Amino acid sequence: MDAVADIEEALYAHWSLFGRPPTGELHEEDGLLWFETPIARLPYNGVIRTRLGDGAAADAAIARTVERFRERGVEFLWFDHPSATPADLGARLAAHGLAPAERIACMALDLRGYEPPPPTDGVEFREVRDDADVQAYSALTIRYWDIPEHERPRVGALHRAWGTPGIRYLARLDGEPVGKGYLSLAGPPGVAAIFGMSVRPEARRRGVAAGMTATLLRRAIEEGCTRAVLHSPPMAAGVYRRAGFADACPLTIYATTPLWSGDEELV
C-alpha cells in the first residue's frame, strides 16, 4: 500500500476503537463508518470514513447521521479524508451546519534504516502498565479536551477498556506525568501510527514531544514495523517533520464546535 492508503487505514482502525463495546458503538452503513459513545464532548462521536455517491442519496445519508447525533445532543466531528466521496463532501457537510474545525497534515516515515535519537535527558518515558498509569493517561486526556466533571468517569472507563492493539506511553518530569502518546498497531501490517500526543504547557520546550516521538518510533521498530504514519495539527507538525516525517496529504476535520480549548499544546 502507498503512504496515503496506509494513513487512511490506520486512521479508520484507530478511531474505530472509540466505538468498541462496552463504552461505545461502531456503525458501518449507507457508505459511512462512524462511532458513538455516551460522552457528549469532542472527540467522542464522529464519522471516520465516507464513501457515498454524488446524488441525493449522499445528502440523505449525511442528513440521517447528523440527525442521529443531534437527537442525542452530542458534539461530533466528521473526517473529510483523502479518498472521501463525494468530492464536494465539505460543502455538503457545511450545508448541514458543520464547520471546518481544522486542516491537518497527514505524514509518513519510512522506518527502514531509521535510527531514533537517544532519550531526552531528564524525562522518563514509560509504557502504561497499571491502573495508576491509566488514570494518569486519562487525566492528561481529560485536561487536553477540557472534559467537564460529569463526563470524566466515562472517559476513564473508555481508557480502561481500550487495551490492545495499541501501546500507551507517559512522559514524566520529576515523577509527574506531563505528556502522553499512543502507538497504534491496528492498521495495515507493518504500519505503526502515532496518535494522542500531548504535552502540558508547563513542560513545553523541554524536549518532551520530541522524546515521546522517538520513544514511540523506537517501539514501532521493535514491533517489526517498517512505516510510521500520523495526522498532525499545525501546532505540532514541526515536531514530526524534525523527526523525519514527510507530508503525504491534507485532511480536514469538520465539527459542530471548535476542537481545542486553547489551554493545551502538543509541543
C-alpha atoms as a PDB file:
ATOM      1  CA  MET A   1       0.000   0.000   0.000  1.00  0.00           C
ATOM      2  CA  ASP A   2       1.122   3.568  -0.560  1.00  0.00           C
ATOM      3  CA  ALA A   3       1.582   6.064   2.259  1.00  0.00           C
ATOM      4  CA  VAL A   4      -1.807   7.756   1.831  1.00  0.00           C
ATOM      5  CA  ALA A   5      -3.641   4.424   1.870  1.00  0.00           C
ATOM      6  CA  ASP A   6      -1.712   3.382   4.995  1.00  0.00           C
ATOM      7  CA  ILE A   7      -2.573   6.681   6.676  1.00  0.00           C
ATOM      8  CA  GLU A   8      -6.254   6.255   5.938  1.00  0.00           C
ATOM      9  CA  GLU A   9      -6.400   2.620   7.033  1.00  0.00           C
ATOM     10  CA  ALA A  10      -4.548   3.428  10.258  1.00  0.00           C
ATOM     11  CA  LEU A  11      -6.931   6.319  10.898  1.00  0.00           C
ATOM     12  CA  TYR A  12     -10.016   4.122  10.421  1.00  0.00           C
ATOM     13  CA  ALA A  13      -8.585   1.409  12.666  1.00  0.00           C
ATOM     14  CA  HIS A  14      -7.601   3.748  15.480  1.00  0.00           C
ATOM     15  CA  TRP A  15     -10.745   5.854  15.592  1.00  0.00           C
ATOM     16  CA  SER A  16     -12.873   2.722  15.408  1.00  0.00           C
ATOM     17  CA  LEU A  17     -11.613   1.955  18.929  1.00  0.00           C
ATOM     18  CA  PHE A  18     -13.917   4.685  20.222  1.00  0.00           C
ATOM     19  CA  GLY A  19     -16.808   2.528  19.070  1.00  0.00           C
ATOM     20  CA  ARG A  20     -15.594  -0.590  20.862  1.00  0.00           C
ATOM     21  CA  PRO A  21     -18.104  -2.024  23.385  1.00  0.00           C
ATOM     22  CA  PRO A  22     -18.829  -1.680  26.245  1.00  0.00           C
ATOM     23  CA  THR A  23     -18.065   2.054  26.117  1.00  0.00           C
ATOM     24  CA  GLY A  24     -19.140   2.766  22.533  1.00  0.00           C
ATOM     25  CA  GLU A  25     -20.804   1.575  19.357  1.00  0.00           C
ATOM     26  CA  LEU A  26     -19.375   1.317  15.835  1.00  0.00           C
ATOM     27  CA  HIS A  27     -21.621   1.545  12.787  1.00  0.00           C
ATOM     28  CA  GLU A  28     -20.949   0.821   9.129  1.00  0.00           C
ATOM     29  CA  GLU A  29     -23.940   1.594   6.949  1.00  0.00           C
ATOM     30  CA  ASP A  30     -25.004   3.754   3.993  1.00  0.00           C
ATOM     31  CA  GLY A  31     -21.352   4.090   2.936  1.00  0.00           C
ATOM     32  CA  LEU A  32     -20.349   5.607   6.289  1.00  0.00           C
ATOM     33  CA  LEU A  33     -18.164   4.327   9.123  1.00  0.00           C
ATOM     34  CA  TRP A  34     -18.953   6.132  12.356  1.00  0.00           C
ATOM     35  CA  PHE A  35     -18.745   5.731  16.113  1.00  0.00           C
ATOM     36  CA  GLU A  36     -20.656   6.986  19.103  1.00  0.00           C
ATOM     37  CA  THR A  37     -20.110   6.974  22.856  1.00  0.00           C
ATOM     38  CA  PRO A  38     -22.093   8.351  25.819  1.00  0.00           C
ATOM     39  CA  ILE A  39     -19.544  11.196  26.134  1.00  0.00           C
ATOM     40  CA  ALA A  40     -21.091  14.381  24.754  1.00  0.00           C
ATOM     41  CA  ARG A  41     -17.868  16.333  24.188  1.00  0.00           C
ATOM     42  CA  LEU A  42     -15.451  16.083  21.278  1.00  0.00           C
ATOM     43  CA  PRO A  43     -13.845  13.884  20.055  1.00  0.00           C
ATOM     44  CA  TYR A  44     -16.022  11.030  21.282  1.00  0.00           C
ATOM     45  CA  ASN A  45     -18.604  10.901  18.488  1.00  0.00           C
ATOM     46  CA  GLY A  46     -17.894  11.152  14.784  1.00  0.00           C
ATOM     47  CA  VAL A  47     -17.736   9.856  11.221  1.00  0.00           C
ATOM     48  CA  ILE A  48     -14.420   8.294  10.255  1.00  0.00           C
ATOM     49  CA  ARG A  49     -14.937   7.217   6.640  1.00  0.00           C
ATOM     50  CA  THR A  50     -17.275   8.482   3.908  1.00  0.00           C
ATOM     51  CA  ARG A  51     -17.821   6.580   0.674  1.00  0.00           C
ATOM     52  CA  LEU A  52     -21.016   7.911  -0.885  1.00  0.00           C
ATOM     53  CA  GLY A  53     -22.304   8.619  -4.372  1.00  0.00           C
ATOM     54  CA  ASP A  54     -22.837  12.057  -5.861  1.00  0.00           C
ATOM     55  CA  GLY A  55     -26.616  12.335  -5.799  1.00  0.00           C
ATOM     56  CA  ALA A  56     -29.451  12.931  -3.391  1.00  0.00           C
ATOM     57  CA  ALA A  57     -28.757   9.606  -1.651  1.00  0.00           C
ATOM     58  CA  ALA A  58     -25.476  11.061  -0.341  1.00  0.00           C
ATOM     59  CA  ASP A  59     -27.239  14.044   1.188  1.00  0.00           C
ATOM     60  CA  ALA A  60     -29.858  11.760   2.691  1.00  0.00           C
ATOM     61  CA  ALA A  61     -27.199   9.559   4.320  1.00  0.00           C
ATOM     62  CA  ILE A  62     -25.399  12.609   5.701  1.00  0.00           C
ATOM     63  CA  ALA A  63     -28.678  14.055   6.983  1.00  0.00           C
ATOM     64  CA  ARG A  64     -29.643  10.831   8.761  1.00  0.00           C
ATOM     65  CA  THR A  65     -26.309  10.583  10.537  1.00  0.00           C
ATOM     66  CA  VAL A  66     -26.234  14.249  11.503  1.00  0.00           C
ATOM     67  CA  GLU A  67     -29.757  13.973  12.861  1.00  0.00           C
ATOM     68  CA  ARG A  68     -28.854  10.941  14.959  1.00  0.00           C
ATOM     69  CA  PHE A  69     -26.016  12.790  16.653  1.00  0.00           C
ATOM     70  CA  ARG A  70     -28.184  15.865  17.196  1.00  0.00           C
ATOM     71  CA  GLU A  71     -31.029  13.844  18.654  1.00  0.00           C
ATOM     72  CA  ARG A  72     -28.552  12.580  21.242  1.00  0.00           C
ATOM     73  CA  GLY A  73     -27.375  16.114  21.999  1.00  0.00           C
ATOM     74  CA  VAL A  74     -23.676  15.361  21.449  1.00  0.00           C
ATOM     75  CA  GLU A  75     -20.889  17.265  19.748  1.00  0.00           C
ATOM     76  CA  PHE A  76     -19.438  15.388  16.803  1.00  0.00           C
ATOM     77  CA  LEU A  77     -16.735  15.521  14.144  1.00  0.00           C
ATOM     78  CA  TRP A  78     -16.504  14.322  10.549  1.00  0.00           C
ATOM     79  CA  PHE A  79     -13.273  13.441   8.742  1.00  0.00           C
ATOM     80  CA  ASP A  80     -13.012  14.630   5.137  1.00  0.00           C
ATOM     81  CA  HIS A  81     -10.235  12.171   4.317  1.00  0.00           C
ATOM     82  CA  PRO A  82      -8.284  11.938   1.018  1.00  0.00           C
ATOM     83  CA  SER A  83     -10.416   9.210  -0.575  1.00  0.00           C
ATOM     84  CA  ALA A  84     -13.750  10.511   0.750  1.00  0.00           C
ATOM     85  CA  THR A  85     -16.592  10.730  -1.724  1.00  0.00           C
ATOM     86  CA  PRO A  86     -18.398  12.688  -2.979  1.00  0.00           C
ATOM     87  CA  ALA A  87     -15.627  15.123  -3.899  1.00  0.00           C
ATOM     88  CA  ASP A  88     -17.658  18.041  -2.530  1.00  0.00           C
ATOM     89  CA  LEU A  89     -18.160  16.405   0.876  1.00  0.00           C
ATOM     90  CA  GLY A  90     -17.015  19.532   2.719  1.00  0.00           C
ATOM     91  CA  ALA A  91     -19.665  21.689   1.069  1.00  0.00           C
ATOM     92  CA  ARG A  92     -22.345  19.115   1.848  1.00  0.00           C
ATOM     93  CA  LEU A  93     -21.296  18.972   5.487  1.00  0.00           C
ATOM     94  CA  ALA A  94     -21.345  22.769   5.681  1.00  0.00           C
ATOM     95  CA  ALA A  95     -24.897  22.710   4.352  1.00  0.00           C
ATOM     96  CA  HIS A  96     -25.795  20.590   7.376  1.00  0.00           C
ATOM     97  CA  GLY A  97     -24.236  23.042   9.833  1.00  0.00           C
ATOM     98  CA  LEU A  98     -20.758  21.585  10.290  1.00  0.00           C
ATOM     99  CA  ALA A  99     -17.783  23.931  10.049  1.00  0.00           C
ATOM    100  CA  PRO A 100     -14.169  23.143   9.086  1.00  0.00           C
ATOM    101  CA  ALA A 101     -12.561  22.929  12.522  1.00  0.00           C
ATOM    102  CA  GLU A 102      -9.024  22.142  11.434  1.00  0.00           C
ATOM    103  CA  ARG A 103      -6.959  21.248   8.382  1.00  0.00           C
ATOM    104  CA  ILE A 104      -4.313  18.797   9.453  1.00  0.00           C
ATOM    105  CA  ALA A 105      -1.232  17.297   7.827  1.00  0.00           C
ATOM    106  CA  CYS A 106      -1.060  13.562   7.253  1.00  0.00           C
ATOM    107  CA  MET A 107       2.546  12.344   7.392  1.00  0.00           C
ATOM    108  CA  ALA A 108       4.589   9.200   6.885  1.00  0.00           C
ATOM    109  CA  LEU A 109       8.076   7.997   7.786  1.00  0.00           C
ATOM    110  CA  ASP A 110       9.998   5.018   6.389  1.00  0.00           C
ATOM    111  CA  LEU A 111      11.397   3.194   9.414  1.00  0.00           C
ATOM    112  CA  ARG A 112      13.827   1.047   7.449  1.00  0.00           C
ATOM    113  CA  GLY A 113      17.271   2.254   8.408  1.00  0.00           C
ATOM    114  CA  TYR A 114      15.814   4.879  10.742  1.00  0.00           C
ATOM    115  CA  GLU A 115      17.700   5.426  13.979  1.00  0.00           C
ATOM    116  CA  PRO A 116      15.777   7.324  16.667  1.00  0.00           C
ATOM    117  CA  PRO A 117      17.809   9.828  18.681  1.00  0.00           C
ATOM    118  CA  PRO A 118      18.791   8.971  22.259  1.00  0.00           C
ATOM    119  CA  PRO A 119      16.206   9.536  25.022  1.00  0.00           C
ATOM    120  CA  THR A 120      15.644  13.088  26.215  1.00  0.00           C
ATOM    121  CA  ASP A 121      17.708  13.892  29.304  1.00  0.00           C
ATOM    122  CA  GLY A 122      15.701  14.414  32.464  1.00  0.00           C
ATOM    123  CA  VAL A 123      12.444  12.994  31.084  1.00  0.00           C
ATOM    124  CA  GLU A 124      11.205   9.472  31.804  1.00  0.00           C
ATOM    125  CA  PHE A 125       9.183   7.768  29.067  1.00  0.00           C
ATOM    126  CA  ARG A 126       7.344   4.709  30.320  1.00  0.00           C
ATOM    127  CA  GLU A 127       4.727   2.377  28.909  1.00  0.00           C
ATOM    128  CA  VAL A 128       1.345   2.489  30.626  1.00  0.00           C
ATOM    129  CA  ARG A 129       1.149  -0.783  32.535  1.00  0.00           C
ATOM    130  CA  ASP A 130      -1.069  -0.469  35.609  1.00  0.00           C
ATOM    131  CA  ASP A 131      -4.243   1.244  36.760  1.00  0.00           C
ATOM    132  CA  ALA A 132      -2.362   4.225  38.194  1.00  0.00           C
ATOM    133  CA  ASP A 133      -0.739   4.812  34.805  1.00  0.00           C
ATOM    134  CA  VAL A 134      -4.109   4.518  33.064  1.00  0.00           C
ATOM    135  CA  GLN A 135      -5.565   7.092  35.449  1.00  0.00           C
ATOM    136  CA  ALA A 136      -2.668   9.459  34.759  1.00  0.00           C
ATOM    137  CA  TYR A 137      -3.063   8.982  30.996  1.00  0.00           C
ATOM    138  CA  SER A 138      -6.804   9.572  31.284  1.00  0.00           C
ATOM    139  CA  ALA A 139      -6.242  12.716  33.356  1.00  0.00           C
ATOM    140  CA  LEU A 140      -3.993  14.180  30.652  1.00  0.00           C
ATOM    141  CA  THR A 141      -6.636  13.365  28.037  1.00  0.00           C
ATOM    142  CA  ILE A 142      -9.359  14.991  30.126  1.00  0.00           C
ATOM    143  CA  ARG A 143      -7.287  18.125  30.517  1.00  0.00           C
ATOM    144  CA  TYR A 144      -6.387  18.249  26.829  1.00  0.00           C
ATOM    145  CA  TRP A 145     -10.001  18.002  25.651  1.00  0.00           C
ATOM    146  CA  ASP A 146     -11.351  20.139  28.532  1.00  0.00           C
ATOM    147  CA  ILE A 147     -13.817  17.425  29.550  1.00  0.00           C
ATOM    148  CA  PRO A 148     -16.373  18.618  32.156  1.00  0.00           C
ATOM    149  CA  GLU A 149     -16.526  16.979  35.568  1.00  0.00           C
ATOM    150  CA  HIS A 150     -19.636  14.890  34.948  1.00  0.00           C
ATOM    151  CA  GLU A 151     -18.130  13.320  31.784  1.00  0.00           C
ATOM    152  CA  ARG A 152     -14.778  12.372  33.295  1.00  0.00           C
ATOM    153  CA  PRO A 153     -15.723   8.945  34.691  1.00  0.00           C
ATOM    154  CA  ARG A 154     -16.854   7.918  31.194  1.00  0.00           C
ATOM    155  CA  VAL A 155     -13.522   8.965  29.701  1.00  0.00           C
ATOM    156  CA  GLY A 156     -11.747   6.960  32.385  1.00  0.00           C
ATOM    157  CA  ALA A 157     -13.890   3.925  31.615  1.00  0.00           C
ATOM    158  CA  LEU A 158     -13.062   4.216  27.920  1.00  0.00           C
ATOM    159  CA  HIS A 159      -9.327   4.254  28.603  1.00  0.00           C
ATOM    160  CA  ARG A 160      -9.577   1.274  30.940  1.00  0.00           C
ATOM    161  CA  ALA A 161     -11.460  -0.673  28.265  1.00  0.00           C
ATOM    162  CA  TRP A 162      -9.099   0.040  25.356  1.00  0.00           C
ATOM    163  CA  GLY A 163      -6.142  -2.244  25.981  1.00  0.00           C
ATOM    164  CA  THR A 164      -4.593  -3.712  22.830  1.00  0.00           C
ATOM    165  CA  PRO A 165      -3.904  -3.295  19.883  1.00  0.00           C
ATOM    166  CA  GLY A 166      -2.233  -0.063  20.953  1.00  0.00           C
ATOM    167  CA  ILE A 167       0.563   0.892  23.322  1.00  0.00           C
ATOM    168  CA  ARG A 168       0.254   3.937  25.568  1.00  0.00           C
ATOM    169  CA  TYR A 169       3.184   5.877  26.982  1.00  0.00           C
ATOM    170  CA  LEU A 170       3.533   8.560  29.632  1.00  0.00           C
ATOM    171  CA  ALA A 171       6.281  11.183  29.905  1.00  0.00           C
ATOM    172  CA  ARG A 172       7.253  12.217  33.422  1.00  0.00           C
ATOM    173  CA  LEU A 173       9.261  15.147  34.740  1.00  0.00           C
ATOM    174  CA  ASP A 174      10.330  14.784  38.378  1.00  0.00           C
ATOM    175  CA  GLY A 175       7.853  11.943  38.676  1.00  0.00           C
ATOM    176  CA  GLU A 176       4.885  13.969  37.431  1.00  0.00           C
ATOM    177  CA  PRO A 177       3.066  12.952  34.239  1.00  0.00           C
ATOM    178  CA  VAL A 178       3.395  15.809  31.750  1.00  0.00           C
ATOM    179  CA  GLY A 179       2.850  14.157  28.361  1.00  0.00           C
ATOM    180  CA  LYS A 180       1.348  11.172  26.637  1.00  0.00           C
ATOM    181  CA  GLY A 181       1.386   9.322  23.340  1.00  0.00           C
ATOM    182  CA  TYR A 182      -0.326   6.331  21.751  1.00  0.00           C
ATOM    183  CA  LEU A 183       1.220   3.897  19.281  1.00  0.00           C
ATOM    184  CA  SER A 184      -1.462   2.127  17.275  1.00  0.00           C
ATOM    185  CA  LEU A 185      -0.714  -1.224  15.652  1.00  0.00           C
ATOM    186  CA  ALA A 186      -4.306  -1.755  14.499  1.00  0.00           C
ATOM    187  CA  GLY A 187      -3.775  -0.629  10.911  1.00  0.00           C
ATOM    188  CA  PRO A 188      -2.117  -2.410   7.971  1.00  0.00           C
ATOM    189  CA  PRO A 189       0.584  -4.983   8.801  1.00  0.00           C
ATOM    190  CA  GLY A 190       3.960  -3.351   9.323  1.00  0.00           C
ATOM    191  CA  VAL A 191       2.457   0.104   9.841  1.00  0.00           C
ATOM    192  CA  ALA A 192       2.526   1.917  13.181  1.00  0.00           C
ATOM    193  CA  ALA A 193       0.525   5.080  13.788  1.00  0.00           C
ATOM    194  CA  ILE A 194       1.098   7.800  16.363  1.00  0.00           C
ATOM    195  CA  PHE A 195      -1.998   9.295  17.957  1.00  0.00           C
ATOM    196  CA  GLY A 196      -2.934  11.205  21.087  1.00  0.00           C
ATOM    197  CA  MET A 197       0.302  13.120  21.574  1.00  0.00           C
ATOM    198  CA  SER A 198       0.042  15.993  24.039  1.00  0.00           C
ATOM    199  CA  VAL A 199       2.315  17.847  26.455  1.00  0.00           C
ATOM    200  CA  ARG A 200       1.204  20.027  29.357  1.00  0.00           C
ATOM    201  CA  PRO A 201       2.005  23.738  28.827  1.00  0.00           C
ATOM    202  CA  GLU A 202       4.393  23.947  31.786  1.00  0.00           C
ATOM    203  CA  ALA A 203       6.557  21.204  30.228  1.00  0.00           C
ATOM    204  CA  ARG A 204       6.895  22.754  26.803  1.00  0.00           C
ATOM    205  CA  ARG A 205      10.338  23.284  25.279  1.00  0.00           C
ATOM    206  CA  ARG A 206      11.822  20.561  27.452  1.00  0.00           C
ATOM    207  CA  GLY A 207      12.106  18.039  24.625  1.00  0.00           C
ATOM    208  CA  VAL A 208       9.091  16.056  25.816  1.00  0.00           C
ATOM    209  CA  ALA A 209       7.293  15.887  22.457  1.00  0.00           C
ATOM    210  CA  ALA A 210      10.477  15.047  20.543  1.00  0.00           C
ATOM    211  CA  GLY A 211      11.424  12.432  23.131  1.00  0.00           C
ATOM    212  CA  MET A 212       7.965  10.872  23.084  1.00  0.00           C
ATOM    213  CA  THR A 213       8.028  10.710  19.282  1.00  0.00           C
ATOM    214  CA  ALA A 214      11.413   8.965  19.377  1.00  0.00           C
ATOM    215  CA  THR A 215      10.189   6.571  22.075  1.00  0.00           C
ATOM    216  CA  LEU A 216       7.134   5.572  20.041  1.00  0.00           C
ATOM    217  CA  LEU A 217       9.171   5.141  16.864  1.00  0.00           C
ATOM    218  CA  ARG A 218      11.718   3.024  18.693  1.00  0.00           C
ATOM    219  CA  ARG A 219       8.887   0.800  19.930  1.00  0.00           C
ATOM    220  CA  ALA A 220       7.409   0.614  16.419  1.00  0.00           C
ATOM    221  CA  ILE A 221      10.728  -0.693  15.112  1.00  0.00           C
ATOM    222  CA  GLU A 222      10.872  -3.246  17.936  1.00  0.00           C
ATOM    223  CA  GLU A 223       7.393  -4.400  16.888  1.00  0.00           C
ATOM    224  CA  GLY A 224       8.665  -5.033  13.356  1.00  0.00           C
ATOM    225  CA  CYS A 225       7.028  -2.039  11.667  1.00  0.00           C
ATOM    226  CA  THR A 226       8.581  -0.543   8.533  1.00  0.00           C
ATOM    227  CA  ARG A 227       6.430   2.591   8.240  1.00  0.00           C
ATOM    228  CA  ALA A 228       5.043   5.090  10.737  1.00  0.00           C
ATOM    229  CA  VAL A 229       2.119   7.391   9.963  1.00  0.00           C
ATOM    230  CA  LEU A 230       0.160  10.100  11.753  1.00  0.00           C
ATOM    231  CA  HIS A 231      -2.069  13.110  11.286  1.00  0.00           C
ATOM    232  CA  SER A 232      -0.954  16.332  12.932  1.00  0.00           C
ATOM    233  CA  PRO A 233      -2.487  19.725  13.701  1.00  0.00           C
ATOM    234  CA  PRO A 234      -0.418  22.708  12.551  1.00  0.00           C
ATOM    235  CA  MET A 235       0.952  23.442  16.031  1.00  0.00           C
ATOM    236  CA  ALA A 236       2.659  20.025  16.235  1.00  0.00           C
ATOM    237  CA  ALA A 237       3.716  19.455  12.640  1.00  0.00           C
ATOM    238  CA  GLY A 238       7.204  20.872  13.192  1.00  0.00           C
ATOM    239  CA  VAL A 239       7.992  18.255  15.834  1.00  0.00           C
ATOM    240  CA  TYR A 240       7.182  15.444  13.430  1.00  0.00           C
ATOM    241  CA  ARG A 241       8.977  16.975  10.463  1.00  0.00           C
ATOM    242  CA  ARG A 242      12.117  17.340  12.561  1.00  0.00           C
ATOM    243  CA  ALA A 243      11.770  13.653  13.435  1.00  0.00           C
ATOM    244  CA  GLY A 244      11.851  12.822   9.724  1.00  0.00           C
ATOM    245  CA  PHE A 245       8.155  12.613   8.808  1.00  0.00           C
ATOM    246  CA  ALA A 246       7.185  13.864   5.357  1.00  0.00           C
ATOM    247  CA  ASP A 247       3.841  15.358   4.386  1.00  0.00           C
ATOM    248  CA  ALA A 248       1.698  12.918   2.391  1.00  0.00           C
ATOM    249  CA  CYS A 249      -1.723  14.579   2.132  1.00  0.00           C
ATOM    250  CA  PRO A 250      -4.034  17.049   3.879  1.00  0.00           C
ATOM    251  CA  LEU A 251      -7.141  16.112   5.835  1.00  0.00           C
ATOM    252  CA  THR A 252      -9.917  18.408   7.012  1.00  0.00           C
ATOM    253  CA  ILE A 253     -11.906  17.822  10.174  1.00  0.00           C
ATOM    254  CA  TYR A 254     -15.421  19.247  10.258  1.00  0.00           C
ATOM    255  CA  ALA A 255     -17.104  19.581  13.627  1.00  0.00           C
ATOM    256  CA  THR A 256     -20.010  21.121  15.475  1.00  0.00           C
ATOM    257  CA  THR A 257     -17.737  23.050  17.875  1.00  0.00           C
ATOM    258  CA  PRO A 258     -14.035  24.072  17.978  1.00  0.00           C
ATOM    259  CA  LEU A 259     -11.674  21.166  18.585  1.00  0.00           C
ATOM    260  CA  TRP A 260      -9.329  22.745  21.104  1.00  0.00           C
ATOM    261  CA  SER A 261      -9.847  24.579  24.385  1.00  0.00           C
ATOM    262  CA  GLY A 262      -6.717  26.673  23.793  1.00  0.00           C
ATOM    263  CA  ASP A 263      -5.190  25.650  27.134  1.00  0.00           C
ATOM    264  CA  GLU A 264      -3.091  22.748  25.940  1.00  0.00           C
ATOM    265  CA  GLU A 265      -0.274  22.403  23.445  1.00  0.00           C
ATOM    266  CA  LEU A 266       1.287  19.466  21.672  1.00  0.00           C
ATOM    267  CA  VAL A 267       4.827  20.815  21.621  1.00  0.00           C
END
